[in-house]
């Protein structure tokens, strides 16, 4: 018969083993349980949609977090001033690219004599320098037609009177900024919304392919320049005939295409998903261009100024779309920085701040729903999850369970911030390698949770 001392020790050891096994079972079983919960919620919600039960796998990094949202586009409004006094805002957004159009009709002073193009770059130089001071690289939409070389002077959507003049203009633009100014990795986009501004067609009539060919020939005449990208067509939407005819023409003529671009304004997130699925399938049918970059060079909830763009719905839409674009496109440009479509000082700016604050390591995540989407990341030792409940009908609310699983630490600081409200910071603890919180989410709300381990080794 064992002594009481050893019986007690044996009981303690058995309890510890049971406790450890329980933790291990929970750690491995929780993702399945959460999927089961999502299934139960799907049955309960029925045809209306699926509720969310977010689970972040803290021990499962799935690679670098791409940040396609770090790109901003400014149209013709306030071109000379939209970057002024915005230092703090840009530090939060951290844009990698800033796109501008109207460079030939509003910024560069173009003249022509004896079939030779001359350009006064002074105004555009100032704006390019502002873009660089903001920490970004210029993305120049080569538009619109300057009167000096237009077939119909005064019509900024006109054909050129001589394609050689347009070729010279593009050559001089790239020579100025990629060689003389030695700015690396500038994007040169041939025109802006050609199907709208100028009623260009693809393959016939007022043929965009002629415009693109002359532009690439101009680019090919620039030597000893920094690396740059040239592409297009920046159409008002994604159109299969434009994709097919564009790449067929490029291959037949052995001309350069570094990126394919289009615009999308739509309140339905599914339309963005459809776009990226389609463009990949369509480009795959032209295997020579399989590695071409894919860029949405303008996007937003609404193509009209103001309205829901300036509300929490605009912010929720931006986060939801950004989630769907991860690893599917290179950049998606929010339109625009200031003016009637402006981002600065609006909920969309806060959304961009939060997106850009996410760490560089993406974490595995499950349990998104019909309305709720999320992005998880690790920033240093902090686990982050950005959650949005986007509903274009502005009706759906839900309480979203958010569970961090496979935690190695036991004591944490949890910072929970809902857009428009002050952060709530609490200290939390767990002995089970999992930790759950809840977020009450109204229609078109955005929230971020940040879980940071507390170092207790010296306590």
Protein backbone atom coordinates (compact mmCIF):
# COMPACT_ATOMS: atom_id res chain seq x y z
CA UNK A 1 0.00 0.00 0.00
CA UNK A 2 1.42 3.36 -0.95
CA UNK A 3 2.02 6.00 1.64
CA UNK A 4 -0.31 9.04 1.70
CA UNK A 5 2.57 11.24 0.53
CA UNK A 6 3.10 9.31 -2.71
CA UNK A 7 -0.64 8.90 -3.30
CA UNK A 8 -1.04 12.69 -3.22
CA UNK A 9 1.82 13.20 -5.63
CA UNK A 10 0.37 10.60 -7.95
CA UNK A 11 -3.01 12.32 -7.84
CA UNK A 12 -1.40 15.70 -8.63
CA UNK A 13 0.48 14.21 -11.56
CA UNK A 14 -2.70 12.60 -12.89
CA UNK A 15 -4.56 15.91 -12.60
CA UNK A 16 -1.75 17.73 -14.43
CA UNK A 17 -1.80 15.14 -17.22
CA UNK A 18 -5.57 15.44 -17.54
CA UNK A 19 -5.32 19.23 -17.62
CA UNK A 20 -2.58 19.16 -20.28
CA UNK A 21 -4.52 16.68 -22.40
CA UNK A 22 -7.62 18.89 -22.13
CA UNK A 23 -5.68 21.89 -23.37
CA UNK A 24 -4.22 19.91 -26.27
CA UNK A 25 -7.62 18.55 -27.24
CA UNK A 26 -9.12 22.03 -27.16
CA UNK A 27 -6.25 23.50 -29.18
CA UNK A 28 -6.63 20.91 -31.94
CA UNK A 29 -10.39 20.62 -31.80
CA UNK A 30 -11.29 24.31 -31.59
CA UNK A 31 -11.03 25.10 -35.32
CA UNK A 32 -13.38 22.16 -36.00
CA UNK A 33 -15.72 23.34 -33.26
CA UNK A 34 -15.75 26.83 -34.70
CA UNK A 35 -16.49 25.49 -38.16
CA UNK A 36 -19.33 23.50 -36.59
CA UNK A 37 -20.58 26.69 -34.95
CA UNK A 38 -20.46 28.47 -38.29
CA UNK A 39 -22.44 25.60 -39.82
CA UNK A 40 -25.04 25.79 -37.06
CA UNK A 41 -25.27 29.55 -37.53
CA UNK A 42 -25.67 29.06 -41.28
CA UNK A 43 -28.63 26.76 -40.68
CA UNK A 44 -30.14 29.17 -38.17
CA UNK A 45 -29.75 32.24 -40.37
CA UNK A 46 -31.00 30.30 -43.39
CA UNK A 47 -31.32 31.93 -46.78
CA UNK A 48 -30.45 35.36 -45.39
CA UNK A 49 -26.79 34.52 -44.94
CA UNK A 50 -24.12 33.11 -42.66
CA UNK A 51 -23.00 34.58 -39.33
CA UNK A 52 -19.31 34.82 -38.48
CA UNK A 53 -17.23 33.04 -35.83
CA UNK A 54 -13.68 34.32 -36.33
CA UNK A 55 -10.71 32.19 -35.23
CA UNK A 56 -7.12 33.46 -35.51
CA UNK A 57 -4.39 30.83 -35.62
CA UNK A 58 -1.68 32.66 -33.71
CA UNK A 59 0.90 29.95 -34.43
CA UNK A 60 0.15 29.77 -38.16
CA UNK A 61 1.77 32.57 -40.16
CA UNK A 62 0.88 32.14 -43.83
CA UNK A 63 3.43 34.51 -45.31
CA UNK A 64 3.95 38.24 -45.75
CA UNK A 65 0.78 40.36 -45.62
CA UNK A 66 0.34 42.11 -48.99
CA UNK A 67 -1.02 45.63 -48.68
CA UNK A 68 -2.68 46.50 -52.01
CA UNK A 69 -4.57 49.34 -50.31
CA UNK A 70 -1.43 51.47 -49.94
CA UNK A 71 -2.26 53.32 -53.14
CA UNK A 72 -4.19 56.57 -53.62
CA UNK A 73 -5.56 58.24 -56.75
CA UNK A 74 -6.29 61.93 -57.29
CA UNK A 75 -8.26 63.14 -60.27
CA UNK A 76 -8.54 66.64 -61.70
CA UNK A 77 -9.65 68.30 -58.45
CA UNK A 78 -7.13 70.27 -56.41
CA UNK A 79 -4.21 68.73 -58.31
CA UNK A 80 -1.78 71.44 -57.27
CA UNK A 81 -2.69 71.39 -53.57
CA UNK A 82 -4.07 67.96 -52.61
CA UNK A 83 -0.78 66.94 -50.97
CA UNK A 84 -0.27 70.15 -49.01
CA UNK A 85 -0.34 70.02 -45.20
CA UNK A 86 -1.06 66.30 -45.16
CA UNK A 87 2.13 65.00 -43.51
CA UNK A 88 0.45 63.37 -40.51
CA UNK A 89 -2.29 61.80 -42.60
CA UNK A 90 0.19 60.24 -45.00
CA UNK A 91 2.27 58.90 -42.13
CA UNK A 92 -0.79 56.90 -41.08
CA UNK A 93 -1.80 55.67 -44.55
CA UNK A 94 1.79 55.01 -45.72
CA UNK A 95 0.97 55.14 -49.45
CA UNK A 96 3.42 53.40 -51.73
CA UNK A 97 1.92 54.82 -54.93
CA UNK A 98 0.03 58.05 -55.66
CA UNK A 99 -1.74 58.27 -59.01
CA UNK A 100 -2.50 61.50 -60.87
CA UNK A 101 -4.10 62.19 -64.25
CA UNK A 102 -4.55 65.39 -66.28
CA UNK A 103 -0.77 65.67 -66.44
CA UNK A 104 -0.71 66.99 -70.02
CA UNK A 105 -3.74 69.27 -70.08
CA UNK A 106 -3.42 70.70 -66.55
CA UNK A 107 0.18 70.35 -65.36
CA UNK A 108 2.73 70.08 -68.18
CA UNK A 109 2.90 73.06 -70.56
CA UNK A 110 3.24 71.36 -73.97
CA UNK A 111 4.17 73.17 -77.18
CA UNK A 112 5.05 72.03 -80.67
CA UNK A 113 6.97 73.57 -83.57
CA UNK A 114 8.31 71.98 -86.72
CA UNK A 115 7.07 68.56 -85.58
CA UNK A 116 9.14 68.76 -82.41
CA UNK A 117 7.47 68.63 -78.98
CA UNK A 118 8.71 70.83 -76.15
CA UNK A 119 7.52 70.72 -72.53
CA UNK A 120 7.77 73.04 -69.55
CA UNK A 121 7.78 70.60 -66.61
CA UNK A 122 7.90 73.12 -63.76
CA UNK A 123 4.35 72.56 -62.38
CA UNK A 124 4.49 68.81 -62.74
CA UNK A 125 7.98 68.73 -61.18
CA UNK A 126 6.59 70.38 -58.04
CA UNK A 127 3.78 67.84 -57.73
CA UNK A 128 6.11 64.89 -58.36
CA UNK A 129 8.38 66.16 -55.59
CA UNK A 130 5.39 66.41 -53.21
CA UNK A 131 4.53 62.79 -53.98
CA UNK A 132 8.06 61.73 -53.11
CA UNK A 133 8.09 63.78 -49.91
CA UNK A 134 4.89 61.92 -48.94
CA UNK A 135 6.98 58.73 -49.18
CA UNK A 136 5.30 57.46 -52.34
CA UNK A 137 6.25 56.70 -55.94
CA UNK A 138 4.43 58.52 -58.77
CA UNK A 139 1.87 56.66 -60.85
CA UNK A 140 1.28 58.84 -63.91
CA UNK A 141 -1.81 58.47 -66.05
CA UNK A 142 -0.63 59.71 -69.46
CA UNK A 143 -3.59 61.97 -70.16
CA UNK A 144 -5.11 64.05 -71.65
CA UNK A 145 -4.32 65.38 -75.14
CA UNK A 146 -2.66 68.82 -75.02
CA UNK A 147 -3.97 71.38 -77.53
CA UNK A 148 -0.53 71.83 -79.07
CA UNK A 149 -0.59 68.35 -80.61
CA UNK A 150 -4.35 67.66 -80.77
CA UNK A 151 -6.15 67.01 -84.02
CA UNK A 152 -9.04 69.02 -82.54
CA UNK A 153 -7.38 71.77 -80.44
CA UNK A 154 -9.28 72.41 -77.24
CA UNK A 155 -10.64 68.85 -77.06
CA UNK A 156 -8.59 67.05 -74.42
CA UNK A 157 -9.91 63.67 -75.61
CA UNK A 158 -8.89 64.27 -79.24
CA UNK A 159 -6.64 62.11 -81.36
CA UNK A 160 -3.18 63.60 -81.89
CA UNK A 161 -2.71 65.32 -85.24
CA UNK A 162 0.37 63.13 -85.72
CA UNK A 163 1.14 59.93 -83.78
CA UNK A 164 4.82 60.84 -83.82
CA UNK A 165 4.03 63.89 -81.66
CA UNK A 166 2.32 61.75 -79.02
CA UNK A 167 5.22 59.29 -79.15
CA UNK A 168 7.64 62.16 -78.52
CA UNK A 169 5.56 63.43 -75.61
CA UNK A 170 5.55 60.06 -73.86
CA UNK A 171 9.26 59.63 -74.53
CA UNK A 172 10.05 63.03 -73.04
CA UNK A 173 7.87 62.29 -69.98
CA UNK A 174 9.63 59.04 -69.18
CA UNK A 175 13.02 60.56 -69.97
CA UNK A 176 12.30 63.43 -67.58
CA UNK A 177 11.29 61.41 -64.54
CA UNK A 178 12.84 57.96 -64.99
CA UNK A 179 16.18 59.16 -66.39
CA UNK A 180 16.83 62.83 -65.53
CA UNK A 181 15.13 62.74 -62.12
CA UNK A 182 16.22 59.09 -61.71
CA UNK A 183 13.06 58.06 -59.85
CA UNK A 184 12.83 54.25 -59.79
CA UNK A 185 9.71 52.17 -60.43
CA UNK A 186 7.35 54.87 -61.73
CA UNK A 187 4.15 53.53 -63.31
CA UNK A 188 3.11 55.06 -66.64
CA UNK A 189 -0.53 54.30 -67.47
CA UNK A 190 -1.64 55.02 -71.03
CA UNK A 191 -4.70 57.30 -70.72
CA UNK A 192 -7.50 57.37 -68.16
CA UNK A 193 -10.88 55.71 -68.82
CA UNK A 194 -10.45 55.71 -72.61
CA UNK A 195 -13.87 54.14 -73.16
CA UNK A 196 -15.42 57.19 -71.46
CA UNK A 197 -13.02 60.07 -72.06
CA UNK A 198 -12.73 60.16 -75.83
CA UNK A 199 -14.91 57.14 -76.64
CA UNK A 200 -11.86 55.14 -77.62
CA UNK A 201 -12.52 51.63 -78.90
CA UNK A 202 -10.40 48.51 -78.82
CA UNK A 203 -9.29 47.22 -82.21
CA UNK A 204 -11.31 49.53 -84.45
CA UNK A 205 -12.57 53.08 -84.94
CA UNK A 206 -10.80 55.52 -82.65
CA UNK A 207 -8.44 52.74 -81.72
CA UNK A 208 -6.87 52.67 -78.26
CA UNK A 209 -4.33 50.17 -79.57
CA UNK A 210 -2.84 52.92 -81.78
CA UNK A 211 -2.47 55.10 -78.69
CA UNK A 212 -0.83 52.32 -76.72
CA UNK A 213 1.53 51.35 -79.53
CA UNK A 214 2.77 54.94 -79.96
CA UNK A 215 3.23 55.22 -76.18
CA UNK A 216 5.34 52.07 -75.95
CA UNK A 217 7.45 53.16 -78.90
CA UNK A 218 8.11 56.39 -77.05
CA UNK A 219 9.07 54.43 -73.92
CA UNK A 220 11.42 52.24 -75.95
CA UNK A 221 13.37 55.33 -77.02
CA UNK A 222 14.38 56.13 -73.42
CA UNK A 223 17.80 54.82 -72.48
CA UNK A 224 19.84 54.62 -69.27
CA UNK A 225 16.71 55.19 -67.19
CA UNK A 226 15.70 53.76 -63.84
CA UNK A 227 13.36 50.75 -64.03
CA UNK A 228 9.76 51.74 -64.81
CA UNK A 229 6.42 50.12 -65.69
CA UNK A 230 4.13 50.88 -68.60
CA UNK A 231 0.61 49.54 -69.12
CA UNK A 232 -3.09 50.32 -69.26
CA UNK A 233 -5.86 50.71 -70.30
CA UNK A 234 -7.61 51.99 -67.10
CA UNK A 235 -11.10 51.40 -68.54
CA UNK A 236 -14.22 52.30 -66.55
CA UNK A 237 -14.76 48.60 -65.84
CA UNK A 238 -13.31 45.21 -66.70
CA UNK A 239 -14.29 44.12 -70.22
CA UNK A 240 -13.34 40.79 -71.79
CA UNK A 241 -13.02 42.15 -75.34
CA UNK A 242 -10.58 44.80 -74.11
CA UNK A 243 -8.48 42.18 -72.29
CA UNK A 244 -8.41 39.74 -75.21
CA UNK A 245 -7.76 42.28 -77.97
CA UNK A 246 -5.19 44.14 -75.89
CA UNK A 247 -3.01 41.12 -75.18
CA UNK A 248 -3.45 39.63 -78.64
CA UNK A 249 -2.27 42.92 -80.17
CA UNK A 250 0.65 43.18 -77.73
CA UNK A 251 1.84 39.68 -78.59
CA UNK A 252 1.46 40.14 -82.35
CA UNK A 253 3.45 43.38 -82.23
CA UNK A 254 5.92 42.23 -79.55
CA UNK A 255 5.20 45.28 -77.41
CA UNK A 256 5.67 45.71 -73.72
CA UNK A 257 2.85 45.34 -71.17
CA UNK A 258 3.95 45.53 -67.53
CA UNK A 259 0.49 45.85 -65.97
CA UNK A 260 -3.17 45.65 -66.86
CA UNK A 261 -5.46 48.20 -65.17
CA UNK A 262 -9.16 48.89 -64.85
CA UNK A 263 -11.55 50.82 -62.58
CA UNK A 264 -14.36 49.57 -60.40
CA UNK A 265 -17.00 51.55 -58.52
CA UNK A 266 -19.64 49.25 -57.06
CA UNK A 267 -21.31 48.82 -53.68
CA UNK A 268 -21.39 45.03 -54.10
CA UNK A 269 -18.15 43.40 -52.94
CA UNK A 270 -19.00 40.39 -55.09
CA UNK A 271 -18.38 42.49 -58.19
CA UNK A 272 -14.73 42.98 -57.18
CA UNK A 273 -14.39 39.24 -56.58
CA UNK A 274 -15.88 38.56 -60.01
CA UNK A 275 -13.43 41.02 -61.58
CA UNK A 276 -10.29 39.45 -60.14
CA UNK A 277 -11.48 35.94 -60.96
CA UNK A 278 -12.31 36.96 -64.52
CA UNK A 279 -9.18 38.94 -65.24
CA UNK A 280 -6.97 36.10 -64.04
CA UNK A 281 -8.83 33.58 -66.21
CA UNK A 282 -8.76 35.87 -69.24
CA UNK A 283 -5.06 36.66 -68.87
CA UNK A 284 -4.29 32.97 -68.34
CA UNK A 285 -5.55 32.43 -71.90
CA UNK A 286 -2.62 34.61 -73.00
CA UNK A 287 0.17 32.68 -71.22
CA UNK A 288 2.95 34.94 -72.51
CA UNK A 289 1.55 37.63 -70.17
CA UNK A 290 0.82 35.38 -67.20
CA UNK A 291 3.00 37.43 -64.84
CA UNK A 292 1.60 40.84 -65.77
CA UNK A 293 0.65 43.00 -62.77
CA UNK A 294 -3.05 43.53 -62.14
CA UNK A 295 -4.14 46.95 -60.86
CA UNK A 296 -7.46 48.59 -60.04
CA UNK A 297 -6.30 52.16 -60.55
CA UNK A 298 -9.53 53.71 -59.21
CA UNK A 299 -12.05 52.11 -56.88
CA UNK A 300 -14.76 53.04 -54.43
CA UNK A 301 -18.26 52.38 -53.18
CA UNK A 302 -19.82 55.01 -55.45
CA UNK A 303 -18.62 56.77 -58.60
CA UNK A 304 -20.46 59.91 -57.54
CA UNK A 305 -18.90 62.42 -55.17
CA UNK A 306 -19.78 62.41 -51.48
CA UNK A 307 -22.75 60.32 -50.37
CA UNK A 308 -21.90 56.96 -48.81
CA UNK A 309 -18.26 57.41 -49.78
CA UNK A 310 -17.99 59.81 -46.84
CA UNK A 311 -19.72 57.56 -44.28
CA UNK A 312 -18.89 54.47 -42.24
CA UNK A 313 -20.31 52.48 -45.15
CA UNK A 314 -17.44 53.80 -47.29
CA UNK A 315 -14.93 52.64 -44.67
CA UNK A 316 -16.55 49.21 -44.21
CA UNK A 317 -16.71 48.76 -47.99
CA UNK A 318 -13.01 49.66 -48.32
CA UNK A 319 -11.95 47.12 -45.67
CA UNK A 320 -14.22 44.41 -47.08
CA UNK A 321 -12.97 44.92 -50.65
CA UNK A 322 -9.35 45.06 -49.48
CA UNK A 323 -9.80 41.71 -47.75
CA UNK A 324 -11.02 40.16 -51.01
CA UNK A 325 -8.18 41.65 -53.07
CA UNK A 326 -5.39 40.13 -50.96
CA UNK A 327 -2.91 38.23 -53.15
CA UNK A 328 -5.20 38.67 -56.16
CA UNK A 329 -4.08 42.08 -57.43
CA UNK A 330 -0.99 44.22 -56.93
CA UNK A 331 -2.72 47.49 -56.04
CA UNK A 332 -6.19 48.92 -55.57
CA UNK A 333 -6.27 52.73 -55.62
CA UNK A 334 -8.80 54.49 -53.39
CA UNK A 335 -10.25 57.56 -55.06
CA UNK A 336 -9.55 60.29 -54.10
CA UNK A 337 -7.33 62.04 -51.57
CA UNK A 338 -9.16 65.38 -51.36
CA UNK A 339 -11.96 67.25 -53.11
CA UNK A 340 -15.59 66.16 -53.42
CA UNK A 341 -14.56 62.49 -53.45
CA UNK A 342 -12.03 63.08 -50.67
CA UNK A 343 -10.74 60.53 -48.18
CA UNK A 344 -8.90 62.80 -45.76
CA UNK A 345 -10.81 63.54 -42.58
CA UNK A 346 -13.45 60.92 -43.43
CA UNK A 347 -14.04 57.35 -42.16
CA UNK A 348 -12.18 55.95 -45.17
CA UNK A 349 -9.01 57.60 -43.92
CA UNK A 350 -9.34 55.81 -40.58
CA UNK A 351 -9.95 52.54 -42.41
CA UNK A 352 -6.77 53.06 -44.45
CA UNK A 353 -4.86 53.91 -41.26
CA UNK A 354 -5.95 50.65 -39.66
CA UNK A 355 -5.22 48.60 -42.77
CA UNK A 356 -1.75 50.08 -43.04
CA UNK A 357 -1.11 49.55 -39.30
CA UNK A 358 -1.38 45.78 -39.70
CA UNK A 359 1.86 43.86 -39.22
CA UNK A 360 3.93 42.40 -42.01
CA UNK A 361 3.10 38.74 -41.21
CA UNK A 362 -0.33 37.44 -42.16
CA UNK A 363 -1.97 34.90 -39.85
CA UNK A 364 -4.36 32.11 -40.73
CA UNK A 365 -8.01 32.93 -40.07
CA UNK A 366 -11.30 31.06 -40.39
CA UNK A 367 -14.97 31.71 -39.77
CA UNK A 368 -15.88 34.71 -41.92
CA UNK A 369 -19.56 35.16 -42.69
CA UNK A 370 -21.83 36.61 -45.34
CA UNK A 371 -21.38 40.15 -44.05
CA UNK A 372 -18.33 39.92 -41.80
CA UNK A 373 -14.83 39.74 -43.24
CA UNK A 374 -11.52 39.92 -41.38
CA UNK A 375 -7.75 40.16 -41.83
CA UNK A 376 -5.35 38.81 -39.19
CA UNK A 377 -1.70 39.75 -38.80
CA UNK A 378 1.18 39.69 -36.36
CA UNK A 379 3.03 42.90 -35.55
CA UNK A 380 6.01 42.18 -33.33
CA UNK A 381 4.53 40.13 -30.49
CA UNK A 382 1.02 41.54 -31.00
CA UNK A 383 -1.74 39.59 -32.71
CA UNK A 384 -4.12 41.80 -34.69
CA UNK A 385 -7.46 41.20 -36.35
CA UNK A 386 -9.31 43.83 -38.38
CA UNK A 387 -13.01 43.03 -38.70
CA UNK A 388 -15.73 44.70 -40.76
CA UNK A 389 -19.48 44.15 -41.03
CA UNK A 390 -20.32 45.55 -44.45
CA UNK A 391 -23.96 45.59 -45.50
CA UNK A 392 -24.95 47.72 -48.51
CA UNK A 393 -28.54 47.60 -47.25
CA UNK A 394 -27.42 49.05 -43.88
CA UNK A 395 -29.58 46.57 -41.92
CA UNK A 396 -27.50 43.65 -40.63
CA UNK A 397 -26.06 43.57 -37.11
CA UNK A 398 -24.39 40.69 -35.29
CA UNK A 399 -22.24 39.94 -32.26
CA UNK A 400 -19.05 38.42 -33.65
CA UNK A 401 -17.10 35.92 -31.49
CA UNK A 402 -13.35 36.34 -32.06
CA UNK A 403 -11.10 33.57 -30.76
CA UNK A 404 -7.31 33.55 -30.63
CA UNK A 405 -6.12 29.93 -30.62
CA UNK A 406 -2.83 28.11 -29.95
CA UNK A 407 -1.52 30.85 -27.67
CA UNK A 408 1.84 30.26 -26.00
CA UNK A 409 1.44 32.95 -23.33
CA UNK A 410 -1.17 33.24 -20.61
CA UNK A 411 -1.38 36.94 -19.72
CA UNK A 412 -2.28 39.62 -22.24
CA UNK A 413 -3.39 43.15 -22.85
CA UNK A 414 -6.43 43.26 -25.14
CA UNK A 415 -7.08 46.52 -26.97
CA UNK A 416 -10.45 46.67 -28.69
CA UNK A 417 -11.34 49.66 -30.89
CA UNK A 418 -14.56 50.19 -32.80
CA UNK A 419 -14.44 52.92 -35.44
CA UNK A 420 -15.76 56.16 -34.04
CA UNK A 421 -15.30 55.14 -30.38
CA UNK A 422 -12.45 55.29 -27.88
CA UNK A 423 -10.29 52.16 -27.45
CA UNK A 424 -11.09 49.79 -24.57
CA UNK A 425 -7.97 48.25 -23.00
CA UNK A 426 -8.19 45.34 -20.56
CA UNK A 427 -5.87 42.76 -19.08
CA UNK A 428 -6.94 39.20 -19.77
CA UNK A 429 -5.57 35.76 -18.94
CA UNK A 430 -6.06 32.18 -20.06
CA UNK A 431 -4.64 28.79 -19.08
CA UNK A 432 -6.10 26.94 -22.05
CA UNK A 433 -4.08 28.29 -25.02
CA UNK A 434 -7.23 29.97 -26.31
CA UNK A 435 -8.85 33.31 -25.63
CA UNK A 436 -12.21 34.54 -26.84
CA UNK A 437 -13.74 37.98 -27.07
CA UNK A 438 -16.84 39.37 -28.72
CA UNK A 439 -17.47 42.42 -30.88
CA UNK A 440 -20.97 43.85 -31.23
CA UNK A 441 -21.06 45.07 -34.82
CA UNK A 442 -23.68 47.42 -36.15
CA UNK A 443 -24.27 47.68 -39.91
CA UNK A 444 -21.18 49.03 -41.70
CA UNK A 445 -18.94 49.06 -38.66
CA UNK A 446 -15.20 48.38 -38.48
CA UNK A 447 -13.23 47.20 -35.45
CA UNK A 448 -9.69 46.16 -34.64
CA UNK A 449 -8.56 43.85 -31.84
CA UNK A 450 -4.93 43.77 -30.71
CA UNK A 451 -3.74 41.10 -28.27
CA UNK A 452 -0.29 41.66 -26.74
CA UNK A 453 1.43 39.24 -24.34
CA UNK A 454 2.44 40.60 -20.94
CA UNK A 455 5.93 39.58 -19.90
CA UNK A 456 5.55 38.06 -16.41
CA UNK A 457 8.94 36.38 -16.20
CA UNK A 458 10.26 38.94 -13.69
CA UNK A 459 7.11 39.06 -11.56
